[in-house]
C-alpha cells in the first residue's frame, strides 16, 4: 500500500537564532550573578590597581591590634631580611611557586593586609 503525501507541507523552523539568544542571556545572567555573589562575600572584582582599597598607617595599626589583621610583606626575601614591619610575615610574590603554596594555606576567614614598599 502506497502512502499518500499530505498536501500541506510543514516548514521546518530554524532554531539556531533562538539557541544563540538563550546562550547569550545565560552568559549575561551568569556574569551578574557571579558579580553579586562576590560583592556579598566581600570579594569584589578588582579591574585595576586603582580599585584596591588603600589603608593609612594608623588604620593598619588599628586593624592589627584590634581586629586581628595579619600583615604580609610581599617584597623579595632579601628586602624582607633587610627591614620589615614588626609582626609582618614575609611572603615574596616574586617566587610564584612558594607564593602560591603559601597562599593556599592561608585562613580564608582572616583579614590579610599586604604591602610592598
Protein backbone atom coordinates (compact mmCIF):
# COMPACT_ATOMS: atom_id res chain seq x y z
CA UNK A 1 0.00 0.00 0.00
CA UNK A 2 1.47 3.30 -1.08
CA UNK A 3 1.49 6.23 1.24
CA UNK A 4 -0.01 9.43 0.08
CA UNK A 5 1.71 12.72 0.70
CA UNK A 6 -0.32 15.25 2.51
CA UNK A 7 -0.93 18.39 0.51
CA UNK A 8 0.11 20.61 3.45
CA UNK A 9 3.85 20.91 3.80
CA UNK A 10 5.15 21.64 7.25
CA UNK A 11 8.07 24.02 7.08
CA UNK A 12 10.90 23.15 9.45
CA UNK A 13 11.86 26.09 11.59
CA UNK A 14 15.47 27.02 12.15
CA UNK A 15 16.04 27.13 15.93
CA UNK A 16 19.66 28.30 15.78
CA UNK A 17 18.87 32.01 16.42
CA UNK A 18 16.77 31.05 19.44
CA UNK A 19 19.61 28.94 20.87
CA UNK A 20 22.09 31.77 20.34
CA UNK A 21 19.82 34.24 22.14
CA UNK A 22 19.29 31.82 25.03
CA UNK A 23 23.06 31.23 25.32
CA UNK A 24 23.79 34.97 25.40
CA UNK A 25 21.11 35.54 28.04
CA UNK A 26 22.50 32.68 30.15
CA UNK A 27 26.04 34.13 29.99
CA UNK A 28 24.87 37.65 30.90
CA UNK A 29 22.80 36.37 33.82
CA UNK A 30 25.76 34.25 34.98
CA UNK A 31 28.09 37.25 34.94
CA UNK A 32 25.69 39.36 37.01
CA UNK A 33 25.08 36.54 39.49
CA UNK A 34 28.84 35.98 39.87
CA UNK A 35 29.47 39.68 40.49
CA UNK A 36 26.66 39.85 43.03
CA UNK A 37 27.94 36.83 44.94
CA UNK A 38 31.48 38.21 45.01
CA UNK A 39 30.28 41.57 46.32
CA UNK A 40 28.13 39.92 49.00
CA UNK A 41 31.10 37.86 50.17
CA UNK A 42 33.35 40.92 50.32
CA UNK A 43 35.45 39.75 47.39
CA UNK A 44 34.74 42.29 44.67
CA UNK A 45 36.18 42.03 41.19
CA UNK A 46 39.16 44.40 41.01
CA UNK A 47 39.78 45.59 37.48
CA UNK A 48 42.80 47.78 38.17
CA UNK A 49 45.15 48.78 40.97
CA UNK A 50 43.00 51.89 41.48
CA UNK A 51 40.17 49.61 42.67
CA UNK A 52 42.29 48.21 45.51
CA UNK A 53 41.43 49.90 48.82
CA UNK A 54 44.30 51.81 50.43
CA UNK A 55 44.85 51.97 54.19
CA UNK A 56 46.77 54.54 56.16
CA UNK A 57 49.39 53.52 58.74
CA UNK A 58 47.04 54.23 61.70
CA UNK A 59 44.32 52.16 60.01
CA UNK A 60 46.74 49.23 59.58
CA UNK A 61 47.90 49.51 63.18
CA UNK A 62 44.31 49.52 64.43
CA UNK A 63 43.42 46.56 62.21
CA UNK A 64 46.36 44.54 63.51
CA UNK A 65 45.80 45.40 67.18
CA UNK A 66 42.03 45.40 67.43
CA UNK A 67 40.77 43.27 64.56
CA UNK A 68 43.44 40.58 64.23
CA UNK A 69 44.58 41.56 60.74
CA UNK A 70 47.76 39.88 59.52
CA UNK A 71 50.34 41.94 57.66
CA UNK A 72 52.03 40.27 54.66
CA UNK A 73 55.24 41.71 53.23
CA UNK A 74 55.21 40.63 49.57
CA UNK A 75 58.63 42.04 48.66
CA UNK A 76 61.62 39.82 47.88
CA UNK A 77 63.18 37.75 50.66
CA UNK A 78 66.27 40.00 50.58
CA UNK A 79 64.19 43.13 51.07
CA UNK A 80 62.25 41.49 53.90
CA UNK A 81 65.51 40.42 55.59
CA UNK A 82 66.94 43.95 55.29
CA UNK A 83 63.94 45.54 57.05
CA UNK A 84 60.26 44.91 57.57
CA UNK A 85 57.37 45.97 59.74
CA UNK A 86 57.40 44.27 63.13
CA UNK A 87 54.91 41.41 63.06
CA UNK A 88 54.75 41.19 59.26
CA UNK A 89 55.18 37.83 57.57
CA UNK A 90 57.48 37.59 54.56
CA UNK A 91 55.69 36.15 51.54
CA UNK A 92 57.70 37.07 48.42
CA UNK A 93 55.32 37.32 45.49
CA UNK A 94 58.22 37.15 43.00
CA UNK A 95 58.73 33.45 43.84
CA UNK A 96 55.46 32.32 42.29
CA UNK A 97 55.63 28.65 43.36
CA UNK A 98 56.38 29.46 47.01
CA UNK A 99 53.81 32.26 46.98
CA UNK A 100 51.09 30.02 45.54
CA UNK A 101 51.73 27.25 48.06
CA UNK A 102 51.78 29.75 50.94
CA UNK A 103 48.55 31.43 49.84
CA UNK A 104 46.76 28.07 49.59
CA UNK A 105 47.44 27.52 53.28
CA UNK A 106 46.04 30.86 54.44
CA UNK A 107 42.90 31.04 56.55
CA UNK A 108 40.14 32.24 54.22
CA UNK A 109 38.32 33.96 57.08
CA UNK A 110 41.29 36.03 58.26
CA UNK A 111 41.98 39.61 57.20
CA UNK A 112 45.30 39.95 55.38
CA UNK A 113 46.90 43.27 54.54
CA UNK A 114 49.70 43.24 52.00
CA UNK A 115 52.42 45.80 51.48
CA UNK A 116 55.32 46.05 49.06
CA UNK A 117 57.01 49.38 49.72
